[in-house]
């Protein structure tokens, strides 16, 4: 096991199930974490922005599925 694999091992699974559906999701979290640690924005600000974006995406998906 490489160092990077060992570092990421806690993110690979919980109770045998993957934490992330796709690798890009873990990468996005790692980027956000790095930016928080560098003081670019707070974890709270990131969390709120992510929540807003997810609500918008969910709403748009619900609206587009009504037209099927």
C-alpha atoms as a PDB file:
ATOM      1  CA  UNK A   1       0.000   0.000   0.000  1.00  0.00           C
ATOM      2  CA  UNK A   2       1.369   3.404  -0.963  1.00  0.00           C
ATOM      3  CA  UNK A   3       1.381   6.384   1.403  1.00  0.00           C
ATOM      4  CA  UNK A   4      -1.449   8.040  -0.514  1.00  0.00           C
ATOM      5  CA  UNK A   5      -3.523   4.865  -0.395  1.00  0.00           C
ATOM      6  CA  UNK A   6      -2.934   4.620   3.354  1.00  0.00           C
ATOM      7  CA  UNK A   7      -3.948   8.264   3.799  1.00  0.00           C
ATOM      8  CA  UNK A   8      -7.148   7.765   1.833  1.00  0.00           C
ATOM      9  CA  UNK A   9      -8.038   4.374   3.348  1.00  0.00           C
ATOM     10  CA  UNK A  10     -10.451   5.860   5.934  1.00  0.00           C
ATOM     11  CA  UNK A  11     -12.383   7.393   3.027  1.00  0.00           C
ATOM     12  CA  UNK A  12     -12.665   4.159   1.082  1.00  0.00           C
ATOM     13  CA  UNK A  13     -15.490   2.597   3.044  1.00  0.00           C
ATOM     14  CA  UNK A  14     -17.726   2.666   6.044  1.00  0.00           C
ATOM     15  CA  UNK A  15     -19.097  -0.706   7.043  1.00  0.00           C
ATOM     16  CA  UNK A  16     -17.902  -1.987   3.685  1.00  0.00           C
ATOM     17  CA  UNK A  17     -19.804   0.649   1.691  1.00  0.00           C
ATOM     18  CA  UNK A  18     -18.008   3.422  -0.205  1.00  0.00           C
ATOM     19  CA  UNK A  19     -18.346   6.895   1.285  1.00  0.00           C
ATOM     20  CA  UNK A  20     -18.362   8.517  -2.163  1.00  0.00           C
ATOM     21  CA  UNK A  21     -20.176   7.343  -5.268  1.00  0.00           C
ATOM     22  CA  UNK A  22     -17.461   8.711  -7.560  1.00  0.00           C
ATOM     23  CA  UNK A  23     -13.758   9.522  -7.159  1.00  0.00           C
ATOM     24  CA  UNK A  24     -14.351  13.165  -8.161  1.00  0.00           C
ATOM     25  CA  UNK A  25     -16.502  13.620  -5.051  1.00  0.00           C
ATOM     26  CA  UNK A  26     -13.558  12.724  -2.798  1.00  0.00           C
ATOM     27  CA  UNK A  27     -11.294  14.965  -4.846  1.00  0.00           C
ATOM     28  CA  UNK A  28     -13.718  17.897  -4.502  1.00  0.00           C
ATOM     29  CA  UNK A  29     -13.820  17.416  -0.745  1.00  0.00           C
ATOM     30  CA  UNK A  30     -10.022  17.300  -0.611  1.00  0.00           C
ATOM     31  CA  UNK A  31      -9.776  20.534  -2.597  1.00  0.00           C
ATOM     32  CA  UNK A  32     -12.331  22.249  -0.367  1.00  0.00           C
ATOM     33  CA  UNK A  33     -10.507  21.034   2.737  1.00  0.00           C
ATOM     34  CA  UNK A  34      -7.211  22.400   1.421  1.00  0.00           C
ATOM     35  CA  UNK A  35      -8.793  25.777   0.679  1.00  0.00           C
ATOM     36  CA  UNK A  36     -10.377  25.920   4.152  1.00  0.00           C
ATOM     37  CA  UNK A  37      -7.013  25.112   5.749  1.00  0.00           C
ATOM     38  CA  UNK A  38      -5.376  27.891   3.707  1.00  0.00           C
ATOM     39  CA  UNK A  39      -8.001  30.358   4.918  1.00  0.00           C
ATOM     40  CA  UNK A  40      -9.599  30.952   1.522  1.00  0.00           C
ATOM     41  CA  UNK A  41     -13.040  30.448   3.082  1.00  0.00           C
ATOM     42  CA  UNK A  42     -14.498  28.874   6.206  1.00  0.00           C
ATOM     43  CA  UNK A  43     -15.823  25.339   6.436  1.00  0.00           C
ATOM     44  CA  UNK A  44     -19.203  26.841   7.329  1.00  0.00           C
ATOM     45  CA  UNK A  45     -19.227  29.047   4.221  1.00  0.00           C
ATOM     46  CA  UNK A  46     -18.336  26.065   2.037  1.00  0.00           C
ATOM     47  CA  UNK A  47     -20.997  23.909   3.652  1.00  0.00           C
ATOM     48  CA  UNK A  48     -23.675  26.564   3.152  1.00  0.00           C
ATOM     49  CA  UNK A  49     -22.676  27.115  -0.486  1.00  0.00           C
ATOM     50  CA  UNK A  50     -22.680  23.382  -1.164  1.00  0.00           C
ATOM     51  CA  UNK A  51     -26.087  23.021   0.465  1.00  0.00           C
ATOM     52  CA  UNK A  52     -27.526  25.828  -1.665  1.00  0.00           C
ATOM     53  CA  UNK A  53     -26.060  24.314  -4.836  1.00  0.00           C
ATOM     54  CA  UNK A  54     -27.478  20.887  -4.008  1.00  0.00           C
ATOM     55  CA  UNK A  55     -30.940  22.332  -3.342  1.00  0.00           C
ATOM     56  CA  UNK A  56     -30.852  24.169  -6.678  1.00  0.00           C
ATOM     57  CA  UNK A  57     -29.718  21.033  -8.518  1.00  0.00           C
ATOM     58  CA  UNK A  58     -32.401  18.960  -6.798  1.00  0.00           C
ATOM     59  CA  UNK A  59     -35.053  21.529  -7.680  1.00  0.00           C
ATOM     60  CA  UNK A  60     -33.944  21.699 -11.311  1.00  0.00           C
ATOM     61  CA  UNK A  61     -33.944  17.901 -11.526  1.00  0.00           C
ATOM     62  CA  UNK A  62     -37.446  17.731 -10.059  1.00  0.00           C
ATOM     63  CA  UNK A  63     -38.681  20.360 -12.496  1.00  0.00           C
ATOM     64  CA  UNK A  64     -37.096  18.681 -15.524  1.00  0.00           C
ATOM     65  CA  UNK A  65     -38.522  15.284 -14.533  1.00  0.00           C
ATOM     66  CA  UNK A  66     -42.042  16.765 -14.484  1.00  0.00           C
ATOM     67  CA  UNK A  67     -41.770  17.422 -18.213  1.00  0.00           C
ATOM     68  CA  UNK A  68     -41.074  13.810 -19.165  1.00  0.00           C
END
